[in-house]
Every structure is written in structure tokens, then in C-alpha cells.
């Protein structure tokens, strides 16, 4: 089976949906963030857990990555190898634009719903999570524009499927993706 690549803005539900799809199809899950966290640990950061990216340290690493594109290039090379091999569900920001293979899905969600998800996940205030989402959106947009000339969050041209997640459960979203992939076989 070709790789399934799940993308969307921070806290759109990528990891949750990817894990459900992987469980239902018997595939492995790999996140671009996982590879970047390994690189962050190598740099001396205490990078663990999904909420790390929303922390001051995670944002500091994002700023360090802006100064040294080798972090991303190394992670993206590893992701592309996994995508080419198939039989995996990948969560990644740039992979849909840089990988030639894979079934590519964009999960769309309002900033309000994403902040609410962050708040529940990270046990933080909704207002704090709104600020974090705004910062991460701006930083990701700037970073991937500079790195790959990607209009992140606006250019949906590489995607096979775009799903508005605002009024759907992760289970419903995963089922929609699996059903669409089966239809397109």
C-alpha cells in the first residue's frame, strides 16, 4: 500500500487520525515531528510529547531550525525514504509538497477548534492556546515559505483529499480517508 500522508495546521487532529488509520489498516505511524524531536534531543533539548512543540523550548527549537535548514533537510530525506517504501501513515507539514509518492490528505480546522484541542490536550487555558496556535501558524508559514517556497495552509494543490474536521470525530475522519482510498484504488 502506498504511504498515507496526513497534513494540516497545528492541532488539526493529524496524529490522532493517523493512529486510527494505522490501527485499522495494520500500518506503522511516523511523524515528521518525531524525527525533528530526535534531532532536537541531539542538540540538547528535552523534547518529549506532543505538547513539547507548543512549549517555549519547542518554539525556540523552531527558531533555531530557521537558522539551520539542515535539520529539516535531514528529517525530510528520512520521511521521503519512508514514503517511497509505503505501508506507513505519515504526519508531516512539508511531505505533501516534497514527496512524489503517497496519498495526501489535508485536515482543515478553524483556529478556534484547534486551540480548543490544544487546551484539552495540554491542560492549558483556551486564550493561551489561541496565542500558541497563532504563533505556530505564523512560524510554520514563514519557515516553509523560506525552506521550500510552500504557501503552507493556503496551497492545497498537492492533496488528494481535503476534509473539514470542525464537526467530525477523529474516527469519522479516519473512516472517510480509508473509504476514499478504497474508492480510488
N, C-alpha and C. Protein backbone atom coordinates (compact mmCIF):
# COMPACT_ATOMS: atom_id res chain seq x y z
N UNK A 1 0.84 -1.18 0.00
CA UNK A 1 0.00 0.00 0.00
C UNK A 1 0.88 1.24 0.00
N UNK A 2 0.46 2.25 -0.76
CA UNK A 2 1.22 3.49 -0.77
C UNK A 2 1.11 4.17 0.60
N UNK A 3 2.07 5.01 0.89
CA UNK A 3 2.05 5.76 2.15
C UNK A 3 0.85 6.70 2.16
N UNK A 4 0.29 6.91 3.35
CA UNK A 4 -0.78 7.88 3.55
C UNK A 4 -0.14 9.03 4.32
N UNK A 5 -0.23 10.24 3.75
CA UNK A 5 0.39 11.40 4.37
C UNK A 5 -0.71 12.33 4.87
N UNK A 6 -0.71 12.58 6.18
CA UNK A 6 -1.72 13.43 6.81
C UNK A 6 -1.07 14.77 7.15
N UNK A 7 -1.70 15.86 6.72
CA UNK A 7 -1.16 17.19 6.94
C UNK A 7 -2.29 18.12 7.39
N UNK A 8 -1.92 19.21 8.00
CA UNK A 8 -2.86 20.23 8.45
C UNK A 8 -2.14 21.15 9.40
N UNK A 9 -2.79 22.24 9.76
CA UNK A 9 -2.19 23.18 10.70
C UNK A 9 -2.06 22.53 12.08
N UNK A 10 -1.26 23.10 12.98
CA UNK A 10 -1.10 22.52 14.32
C UNK A 10 -2.45 22.28 15.02
N UNK A 11 -2.57 21.09 15.61
CA UNK A 11 -3.74 20.66 16.39
C UNK A 11 -5.00 20.46 15.53
N UNK A 12 -4.80 20.16 14.25
CA UNK A 12 -5.94 19.85 13.37
C UNK A 12 -6.42 18.42 13.57
N UNK A 13 -5.63 17.60 14.27
CA UNK A 13 -6.02 16.21 14.52
C UNK A 13 -5.18 15.20 13.76
N UNK A 14 -4.06 15.62 13.21
CA UNK A 14 -3.23 14.76 12.37
C UNK A 14 -2.81 13.46 13.07
N UNK A 15 -2.23 13.59 14.22
CA UNK A 15 -1.68 12.41 14.92
C UNK A 15 -2.79 11.47 15.34
N UNK A 16 -3.87 11.99 15.87
CA UNK A 16 -4.99 11.15 16.31
C UNK A 16 -5.56 10.38 15.13
N UNK A 17 -5.81 11.07 14.02
CA UNK A 17 -6.37 10.42 12.83
C UNK A 17 -5.38 9.42 12.26
N UNK A 18 -4.10 9.78 12.21
CA UNK A 18 -3.08 8.86 11.68
C UNK A 18 -3.03 7.57 12.50
N UNK A 19 -3.12 7.69 13.83
CA UNK A 19 -3.08 6.49 14.67
C UNK A 19 -4.31 5.60 14.44
N UNK A 20 -5.47 6.18 14.24
CA UNK A 20 -6.68 5.39 13.97
C UNK A 20 -6.55 4.67 12.63
N UNK A 21 -6.10 5.38 11.60
CA UNK A 21 -5.92 4.76 10.28
C UNK A 21 -4.92 3.62 10.37
N UNK A 22 -3.80 3.87 11.03
CA UNK A 22 -2.76 2.84 11.15
C UNK A 22 -3.30 1.60 11.86
N UNK A 23 -4.07 1.82 12.92
CA UNK A 23 -4.65 0.68 13.64
C UNK A 23 -5.60 -0.11 12.74
N UNK A 24 -6.45 0.59 12.01
CA UNK A 24 -7.45 -0.08 11.17
C UNK A 24 -6.83 -0.79 9.97
N UNK A 25 -5.73 -0.27 9.47
CA UNK A 25 -5.12 -0.86 8.27
C UNK A 25 -3.87 -1.69 8.59
N UNK A 26 -3.48 -1.75 9.86
CA UNK A 26 -2.30 -2.52 10.24
C UNK A 26 -1.00 -1.90 9.73
N UNK A 27 -0.92 -0.57 9.78
CA UNK A 27 0.27 0.13 9.31
C UNK A 27 1.01 0.78 10.47
N UNK A 28 2.24 1.19 10.22
CA UNK A 28 3.02 1.93 11.21
C UNK A 28 2.72 3.42 11.04
N UNK A 29 2.96 4.18 12.12
CA UNK A 29 2.80 5.63 12.08
C UNK A 29 4.16 6.26 12.31
N UNK A 30 4.45 7.28 11.50
CA UNK A 30 5.68 8.03 11.67
C UNK A 30 5.37 9.51 11.47
N UNK A 31 5.84 10.32 12.38
CA UNK A 31 5.61 11.76 12.26
C UNK A 31 6.89 12.49 11.95
N UNK A 32 6.77 13.50 11.08
CA UNK A 32 7.91 14.36 10.79
C UNK A 32 8.43 14.99 12.07
N UNK A 33 7.51 15.31 12.96
CA UNK A 33 7.88 15.88 14.25
C UNK A 33 8.70 14.92 15.09
N UNK A 34 8.45 13.61 14.94
CA UNK A 34 9.23 12.61 15.69
C UNK A 34 10.70 12.67 15.29
N UNK A 35 10.93 12.76 13.99
CA UNK A 35 12.31 12.82 13.50
C UNK A 35 12.96 14.14 13.94
N UNK A 36 12.21 15.23 13.85
CA UNK A 36 12.75 16.53 14.29
C UNK A 36 13.03 16.53 15.79
N UNK A 37 12.17 15.85 16.57
CA UNK A 37 12.42 15.77 18.03
C UNK A 37 13.72 15.02 18.32
N UNK A 38 13.97 13.96 17.55
CA UNK A 38 15.24 13.23 17.73
C UNK A 38 16.42 14.17 17.48
N UNK A 39 16.29 15.00 16.44
CA UNK A 39 17.36 15.96 16.15
C UNK A 39 17.46 17.01 17.25
N UNK A 40 16.33 17.43 17.82
CA UNK A 40 16.33 18.40 18.92
C UNK A 40 17.03 17.81 20.14
N UNK A 41 16.74 16.56 20.45
CA UNK A 41 17.39 15.88 21.59
C UNK A 41 18.89 15.86 21.38
N UNK A 42 19.31 15.57 20.13
CA UNK A 42 20.74 15.58 19.81
C UNK A 42 21.37 16.95 20.06
N UNK A 43 20.55 18.01 19.99
CA UNK A 43 21.03 19.38 20.22
C UNK A 43 20.94 19.78 21.69
N UNK A 44 20.46 18.86 22.56
CA UNK A 44 20.41 19.14 23.99
C UNK A 44 19.05 19.57 24.52
N UNK A 45 18.04 19.57 23.66
CA UNK A 45 16.69 19.92 24.11
C UNK A 45 16.05 18.72 24.81
N UNK A 46 15.13 18.99 25.72
CA UNK A 46 14.37 17.94 26.41
C UNK A 46 13.04 17.77 25.66
N UNK A 47 13.12 17.22 24.46
CA UNK A 47 11.98 17.15 23.53
C UNK A 47 11.22 15.83 23.70
N UNK A 48 10.06 15.93 24.34
CA UNK A 48 9.23 14.74 24.55
C UNK A 48 7.75 15.13 24.53
N UNK A 49 6.93 14.32 23.90
CA UNK A 49 5.49 14.53 23.92
C UNK A 49 5.00 15.54 22.90
N UNK A 50 3.74 15.39 22.55
CA UNK A 50 3.13 16.26 21.54
C UNK A 50 3.13 17.73 21.96
N UNK A 51 2.94 17.99 23.24
CA UNK A 51 2.84 19.38 23.68
C UNK A 51 4.19 20.10 23.70
N UNK A 52 5.29 19.36 23.52
CA UNK A 52 6.61 19.99 23.53
C UNK A 52 6.71 21.09 22.47
N UNK A 53 6.11 20.86 21.30
CA UNK A 53 6.18 21.84 20.22
C UNK A 53 5.50 23.16 20.61
N UNK A 54 4.57 23.12 21.55
CA UNK A 54 3.85 24.32 21.99
C UNK A 54 4.56 25.01 23.15
N UNK A 55 5.63 24.40 23.65
CA UNK A 55 6.35 24.97 24.79
C UNK A 55 7.34 26.05 24.32
N UNK A 56 7.86 26.81 25.27
CA UNK A 56 8.87 27.82 24.94
C UNK A 56 10.09 27.16 24.30
N UNK A 57 10.47 25.99 24.83
CA UNK A 57 11.63 25.29 24.28
C UNK A 57 11.36 24.81 22.85
N UNK A 58 10.15 24.31 22.59
CA UNK A 58 9.79 23.87 21.24
C UNK A 58 9.80 25.02 20.25
N UNK A 59 9.29 26.16 20.68
CA UNK A 59 9.28 27.35 19.82
C UNK A 59 10.72 27.84 19.61
N UNK A 60 11.56 27.72 20.62
CA UNK A 60 12.97 28.11 20.48
C UNK A 60 13.66 27.20 19.45
N UNK A 61 13.36 25.90 19.49
CA UNK A 61 13.94 24.98 18.51
C UNK A 61 13.46 25.34 17.10
N UNK A 62 12.19 25.73 16.98
CA UNK A 62 11.66 26.15 15.68
C UNK A 62 12.48 27.33 15.15
N UNK A 63 12.81 28.25 16.02
CA UNK A 63 13.60 29.42 15.61
C UNK A 63 15.03 28.99 15.23
N UNK A 64 15.58 28.02 15.96
CA UNK A 64 16.91 27.50 15.62
C UNK A 64 16.88 26.84 14.24
N UNK A 65 15.80 26.12 13.96
CA UNK A 65 15.66 25.47 12.66
C UNK A 65 15.65 26.49 11.52
N UNK A 66 15.08 27.66 11.77
CA UNK A 66 15.06 28.70 10.74
C UNK A 66 16.47 29.11 10.34
N UNK A 67 17.39 29.08 11.30
CA UNK A 67 18.77 29.49 11.04
C UNK A 67 19.59 28.38 10.40
N UNK A 68 19.18 27.12 10.57
CA UNK A 68 19.95 26.00 10.03
C UNK A 68 19.00 25.02 9.33
N UNK A 69 18.85 25.14 8.01
CA UNK A 69 17.92 24.28 7.27
C UNK A 69 18.32 22.80 7.24
N UNK A 70 19.51 22.47 7.71
CA UNK A 70 19.94 21.07 7.69
C UNK A 70 19.05 20.17 8.56
N UNK A 71 18.48 20.72 9.65
CA UNK A 71 17.57 19.93 10.48
C UNK A 71 16.42 19.41 9.62
N UNK A 72 15.79 20.31 8.92
CA UNK A 72 14.63 19.94 8.11
C UNK A 72 15.03 19.05 6.94
N UNK A 73 16.13 19.39 6.29
CA UNK A 73 16.55 18.60 5.13
C UNK A 73 16.82 17.15 5.52
N UNK A 74 17.46 16.96 6.66
CA UNK A 74 17.74 15.59 7.13
C UNK A 74 16.44 14.86 7.46
N UNK A 75 15.55 15.52 8.19
CA UNK A 75 14.27 14.90 8.56
C UNK A 75 13.44 14.60 7.30
N UNK A 76 13.40 15.52 6.37
CA UNK A 76 12.60 15.34 5.16
C UNK A 76 13.15 14.24 4.26
N UNK A 77 14.47 14.09 4.26
CA UNK A 77 15.08 12.99 3.49
C UNK A 77 14.64 11.64 4.07
N UNK A 78 14.66 11.53 5.40
CA UNK A 78 14.23 10.28 6.05
C UNK A 78 12.75 10.02 5.79
N UNK A 79 11.93 11.06 5.87
CA UNK A 79 10.49 10.90 5.61
C UNK A 79 10.23 10.46 4.18
N UNK A 80 10.92 11.05 3.23
CA UNK A 80 10.73 10.70 1.82
C UNK A 80 11.09 9.23 1.58
N UNK A 81 12.13 8.76 2.22
CA UNK A 81 12.50 7.34 2.10
C UNK A 81 11.37 6.44 2.62
N UNK A 82 10.79 6.81 3.75
CA UNK A 82 9.68 6.03 4.33
C UNK A 82 8.45 6.09 3.42
N UNK A 83 8.16 7.26 2.87
CA UNK A 83 7.02 7.41 1.97
C UNK A 83 7.20 6.54 0.74
N UNK A 84 8.40 6.55 0.16
CA UNK A 84 8.67 5.76 -1.03
C UNK A 84 8.53 4.27 -0.77
N UNK A 85 8.84 3.83 0.45
CA UNK A 85 8.72 2.42 0.80
C UNK A 85 7.26 2.01 0.98
N UNK A 86 6.38 2.95 1.36
CA UNK A 86 4.96 2.66 1.54
C UNK A 86 4.66 1.94 2.84
N UNK A 87 3.40 1.50 2.97
CA UNK A 87 2.92 0.77 4.15
C UNK A 87 3.14 1.54 5.45
N UNK A 88 2.89 2.86 5.41
CA UNK A 88 3.08 3.69 6.59
C UNK A 88 2.10 4.87 6.52
N UNK A 89 1.72 5.36 7.69
CA UNK A 89 0.95 6.59 7.77
C UNK A 89 1.89 7.64 8.34
N UNK A 90 2.04 8.73 7.61
CA UNK A 90 2.99 9.78 7.97
C UNK A 90 2.23 11.06 8.31
N UNK A 91 2.63 11.73 9.38
CA UNK A 91 2.15 13.08 9.64
C UNK A 91 3.34 14.00 9.41
N UNK A 92 3.12 15.00 8.57
CA UNK A 92 4.22 15.89 8.21
C UNK A 92 3.67 17.17 7.63
N UNK A 93 4.36 18.26 7.90
CA UNK A 93 3.99 19.53 7.27
C UNK A 93 4.46 19.59 5.82
N UNK A 94 5.75 19.41 5.51
CA UNK A 94 6.17 19.62 4.12
C UNK A 94 6.04 18.41 3.20
N UNK A 95 5.88 17.20 3.73
CA UNK A 95 5.91 16.00 2.89
C UNK A 95 4.95 16.04 1.71
N UNK A 96 3.72 16.54 1.86
CA UNK A 96 2.84 16.54 0.68
C UNK A 96 3.41 17.32 -0.51
N UNK A 97 4.21 18.32 -0.25
CA UNK A 97 4.77 19.12 -1.33
C UNK A 97 6.07 18.54 -1.86
N UNK A 98 6.85 17.86 -1.01
CA UNK A 98 8.17 17.40 -1.45
C UNK A 98 8.20 15.94 -1.89
N UNK A 99 7.25 15.13 -1.43
CA UNK A 99 7.23 13.72 -1.81
C UNK A 99 6.45 13.54 -3.11
N UNK A 100 6.97 12.73 -3.99
CA UNK A 100 6.29 12.46 -5.25
C UNK A 100 5.22 11.37 -5.07
N UNK A 101 5.43 10.50 -4.11
CA UNK A 101 4.51 9.39 -3.87
C UNK A 101 3.63 9.67 -2.65
N UNK A 102 2.62 8.80 -2.45
CA UNK A 102 1.79 8.87 -1.26
C UNK A 102 0.42 9.45 -1.53
N UNK A 103 -0.53 9.02 -0.71
CA UNK A 103 -1.90 9.55 -0.75
C UNK A 103 -1.93 10.68 0.27
N UNK A 104 -2.21 11.90 -0.19
CA UNK A 104 -2.03 13.10 0.62
C UNK A 104 -3.37 13.69 1.06
N UNK A 105 -3.50 13.88 2.40
CA UNK A 105 -4.74 14.36 2.99
C UNK A 105 -4.48 15.63 3.80
N UNK A 106 -5.30 16.66 3.56
CA UNK A 106 -5.24 17.89 4.35
C UNK A 106 -6.42 17.90 5.31
N UNK A 107 -6.13 18.09 6.61
CA UNK A 107 -7.17 18.24 7.62
C UNK A 107 -7.32 19.72 7.93
N UNK A 108 -8.48 20.26 7.56
CA UNK A 108 -8.76 21.68 7.79
C UNK A 108 -9.52 21.84 9.09
N UNK A 109 -9.16 22.86 9.87
CA UNK A 109 -9.84 23.14 11.14
C UNK A 109 -9.67 24.62 11.46
N UNK A 110 -10.70 25.20 12.04
CA UNK A 110 -10.62 26.61 12.44
C UNK A 110 -9.60 26.77 13.57
N UNK A 111 -9.08 27.97 13.70
CA UNK A 111 -8.13 28.23 14.78
C UNK A 111 -8.80 28.05 16.13
N UNK A 112 -10.10 28.35 16.23
CA UNK A 112 -10.82 28.17 17.49
C UNK A 112 -10.88 26.69 17.89
N UNK A 113 -11.18 25.83 16.93
CA UNK A 113 -11.24 24.39 17.24
C UNK A 113 -9.85 23.82 17.52
N UNK A 114 -8.86 24.30 16.80
CA UNK A 114 -7.50 23.83 17.07
C UNK A 114 -7.04 24.27 18.45
N UNK A 115 -7.32 25.50 18.83
CA UNK A 115 -6.95 25.99 20.17
C UNK A 115 -7.68 25.19 21.25
N UNK A 116 -8.94 24.86 20.99
CA UNK A 116 -9.71 24.06 21.95
C UNK A 116 -9.07 22.68 22.12
N UNK A 117 -8.67 22.06 21.01
CA UNK A 117 -7.99 20.75 21.07
C UNK A 117 -6.69 20.85 21.86
N UNK A 118 -5.91 21.90 21.58
CA UNK A 118 -4.65 22.11 22.30
C UNK A 118 -4.92 22.27 23.79
N UNK A 119 -5.93 23.05 24.12
CA UNK A 119 -6.27 23.33 25.51
C UNK A 119 -6.61 22.04 26.25
N UNK A 120 -7.40 21.19 25.62
CA UNK A 120 -7.78 19.92 26.24
C UNK A 120 -6.58 18.99 26.34
N UNK A 121 -5.79 18.92 25.27
CA UNK A 121 -4.62 18.04 25.23
C UNK A 121 -3.57 18.46 26.24
N UNK A 122 -3.28 19.76 26.28
CA UNK A 122 -2.17 20.28 27.07
C UNK A 122 -2.58 20.78 28.45
N UNK A 123 -3.90 20.74 28.75
CA UNK A 123 -4.41 21.24 30.03
C UNK A 123 -4.00 22.70 30.24
N UNK A 124 -4.17 23.51 29.19
CA UNK A 124 -3.83 24.93 29.22
C UNK A 124 -5.08 25.75 28.97
N UNK A 125 -5.00 27.03 29.25
CA UNK A 125 -6.15 27.90 29.01
C UNK A 125 -6.39 28.07 27.51
N UNK A 126 -7.63 28.29 27.16
CA UNK A 126 -8.00 28.47 25.77
C UNK A 126 -7.31 29.70 25.19
N UNK A 127 -7.25 30.79 25.94
CA UNK A 127 -6.61 32.01 25.43
C UNK A 127 -5.11 31.79 25.18
N UNK A 128 -4.45 31.07 26.07
CA UNK A 128 -3.03 30.77 25.87
C UNK A 128 -2.83 29.91 24.63
N UNK A 129 -3.72 28.96 24.42
CA UNK A 129 -3.61 28.08 23.26
C UNK A 129 -3.90 28.81 21.95
N UNK A 130 -4.80 29.80 21.99
CA UNK A 130 -5.04 30.63 20.81
C UNK A 130 -3.76 31.36 20.41
N UNK A 131 -3.06 31.90 21.40
CA UNK A 131 -1.81 32.61 21.13
C UNK A 131 -0.76 31.66 20.57
N UNK A 132 -0.65 30.47 21.16
CA UNK A 132 0.32 29.48 20.68
C UNK A 132 -0.01 29.08 19.24
N UNK A 133 -1.28 28.84 18.95
CA UNK A 133 -1.69 28.46 17.58
C UNK A 133 -1.34 29.56 16.59
N UNK A 134 -1.58 30.80 16.97
CA UNK A 134 -1.26 31.92 16.08
C UNK A 134 0.25 32.00 15.83
N UNK A 135 1.04 31.81 16.87
CA UNK A 135 2.50 31.85 16.74
C UNK A 135 2.95 30.70 15.84
N UNK A 136 2.46 29.51 16.13
CA UNK A 136 2.89 28.34 15.34
C UNK A 136 2.45 28.46 13.89
N UNK A 137 1.25 28.96 13.64
CA UNK A 137 0.79 29.15 12.26
C UNK A 137 1.73 30.11 11.52
N UNK A 138 2.04 31.23 12.15
CA UNK A 138 2.90 32.23 11.52
C UNK A 138 4.31 31.69 11.31
N UNK A 139 4.85 31.02 12.32
CA UNK A 139 6.20 30.47 12.21
C UNK A 139 6.28 29.39 11.14
N UNK A 140 5.29 28.48 11.12
CA UNK A 140 5.29 27.42 10.09
C UNK A 140 5.18 28.03 8.70
N UNK A 141 4.29 28.99 8.54
CA UNK A 141 4.11 29.63 7.25
C UNK A 141 5.42 30.26 6.77
N UNK A 142 6.05 31.00 7.64
CA UNK A 142 7.32 31.67 7.31
C UNK A 142 8.41 30.64 7.02
N UNK A 143 8.49 29.61 7.86
CA UNK A 143 9.54 28.60 7.74
C UNK A 143 9.44 27.84 6.43
N UNK A 144 8.26 27.33 6.11
CA UNK A 144 8.13 26.50 4.90
C UNK A 144 8.14 27.33 3.63
N UNK A 145 7.80 28.60 3.72
CA UNK A 145 7.94 29.50 2.58
C UNK A 145 9.43 29.69 2.27
N UNK A 146 10.20 29.97 3.31
CA UNK A 146 11.64 30.17 3.14
C UNK A 146 12.35 28.88 2.72
N UNK A 147 11.94 27.76 3.30
CA UNK A 147 12.62 26.49 3.07
C UNK A 147 12.31 25.88 1.71
N UNK A 148 11.02 25.85 1.35
CA UNK A 148 10.59 25.14 0.13
C UNK A 148 9.69 25.97 -0.79
N UNK A 149 9.48 27.23 -0.46
CA UNK A 149 8.55 28.09 -1.19
C UNK A 149 7.13 27.52 -1.17
N UNK A 150 6.75 26.94 -0.04
CA UNK A 150 5.40 26.39 0.17
C UNK A 150 4.53 27.48 0.78
N UNK A 151 3.34 27.65 0.24
CA UNK A 151 2.35 28.56 0.83
C UNK A 151 1.53 27.71 1.82
N UNK A 152 2.16 27.39 2.94
CA UNK A 152 1.60 26.43 3.90
C UNK A 152 0.28 26.92 4.48
N UNK A 153 -0.73 26.08 4.39
CA UNK A 153 -2.05 26.40 4.91
C UNK A 153 -2.95 27.01 3.86
N UNK A 154 -2.39 27.42 2.73
CA UNK A 154 -3.18 28.03 1.66
C UNK A 154 -3.14 27.23 0.36
N UNK A 155 -1.96 26.71 -0.01
CA UNK A 155 -1.83 25.92 -1.23
C UNK A 155 -2.21 24.47 -0.94
N UNK A 156 -3.38 24.08 -1.39
CA UNK A 156 -3.84 22.71 -1.16
C UNK A 156 -3.72 21.86 -2.44
N UNK A 157 -2.98 22.33 -3.41
CA UNK A 157 -2.87 21.64 -4.70
C UNK A 157 -2.27 20.23 -4.63
N UNK A 158 -1.37 19.91 -3.69
CA UNK A 158 -0.82 18.55 -3.71
C UNK A 158 -1.75 17.47 -3.12
N UNK A 159 -2.88 17.86 -2.57
CA UNK A 159 -3.69 16.93 -1.79
C UNK A 159 -4.72 16.17 -2.63
N UNK A 160 -4.79 14.87 -2.33
CA UNK A 160 -5.81 14.02 -2.95
C UNK A 160 -7.17 14.25 -2.29
N UNK A 161 -7.15 14.65 -1.02
CA UNK A 161 -8.38 14.78 -0.25
C UNK A 161 -8.21 15.89 0.78
N UNK A 162 -9.23 16.75 0.90
CA UNK A 162 -9.27 17.81 1.91
C UNK A 162 -10.53 17.59 2.73
N UNK A 163 -10.37 17.54 4.06
CA UNK A 163 -11.50 17.28 4.96
C UNK A 163 -11.60 18.40 5.99
N UNK A 164 -12.79 18.98 6.12
CA UNK A 164 -13.07 19.94 7.18
C UNK A 164 -13.36 19.12 8.44
N UNK A 165 -12.50 19.26 9.44
CA UNK A 165 -12.60 18.43 10.65
C UNK A 165 -13.43 19.06 11.76
N UNK A 166 -13.90 20.28 11.57
CA UNK A 166 -14.55 21.03 12.64
C UNK A 166 -15.74 20.31 13.26
N UNK A 167 -16.51 19.59 12.48
CA UNK A 167 -17.72 18.96 13.02
C UNK A 167 -17.67 17.43 12.91
N UNK A 168 -16.45 16.86 12.89
CA UNK A 168 -16.31 15.42 12.76
C UNK A 168 -15.40 14.87 13.85
N UNK A 169 -15.68 13.64 14.25
CA UNK A 169 -14.81 12.98 15.22
C UNK A 169 -13.59 12.42 14.49
N UNK A 170 -12.50 12.19 15.21
CA UNK A 170 -11.33 11.57 14.58
C UNK A 170 -11.66 10.24 13.90
N UNK A 171 -12.54 9.47 14.52
CA UNK A 171 -12.96 8.18 13.94
C UNK A 171 -13.66 8.38 12.60
N UNK A 172 -14.56 9.36 12.53
CA UNK A 172 -15.26 9.66 11.27
C UNK A 172 -14.28 10.10 10.19
N UNK A 173 -13.33 10.92 10.56
CA UNK A 173 -12.34 11.42 9.61
C UNK A 173 -11.50 10.26 9.07
N UNK A 174 -11.03 9.40 9.97
CA UNK A 174 -10.23 8.24 9.55
C UNK A 174 -11.03 7.36 8.60
N UNK A 175 -12.29 7.12 8.91
CA UNK A 175 -13.13 6.29 8.04
C UNK A 175 -13.32 6.94 6.67
N UNK A 176 -13.48 8.27 6.65
CA UNK A 176 -13.63 8.97 5.37
C UNK A 176 -12.38 8.79 4.51
N UNK A 177 -11.22 8.89 5.13
CA UNK A 177 -9.96 8.73 4.39
C UNK A 177 -9.82 7.31 3.86
N UNK A 178 -10.05 6.33 4.72
CA UNK A 178 -9.94 4.92 4.30
C UNK A 178 -10.94 4.64 3.17
N UNK A 179 -12.17 5.08 3.30
CA UNK A 179 -13.19 4.85 2.26
C UNK A 179 -12.77 5.48 0.94
N UNK A 180 -12.24 6.69 1.00
CA UNK A 180 -11.84 7.38 -0.24
C UNK A 180 -10.67 6.68 -0.91
N UNK A 181 -9.71 6.22 -0.12
CA UNK A 181 -8.57 5.50 -0.68
C UNK A 181 -9.05 4.23 -1.36
N UNK A 182 -9.97 3.50 -0.75
CA UNK A 182 -10.50 2.27 -1.35
C UNK A 182 -11.24 2.58 -2.65
N UNK A 183 -11.98 3.67 -2.69
CA UNK A 183 -12.71 4.06 -3.92
C UNK A 183 -11.76 4.37 -5.06
N UNK A 184 -10.63 4.95 -4.74
CA UNK A 184 -9.68 5.40 -5.76
C UNK A 184 -8.73 4.32 -6.22
N UNK A 185 -8.77 3.15 -5.60
CA UNK A 185 -7.86 2.05 -6.00
C UNK A 185 -8.17 1.57 -7.38
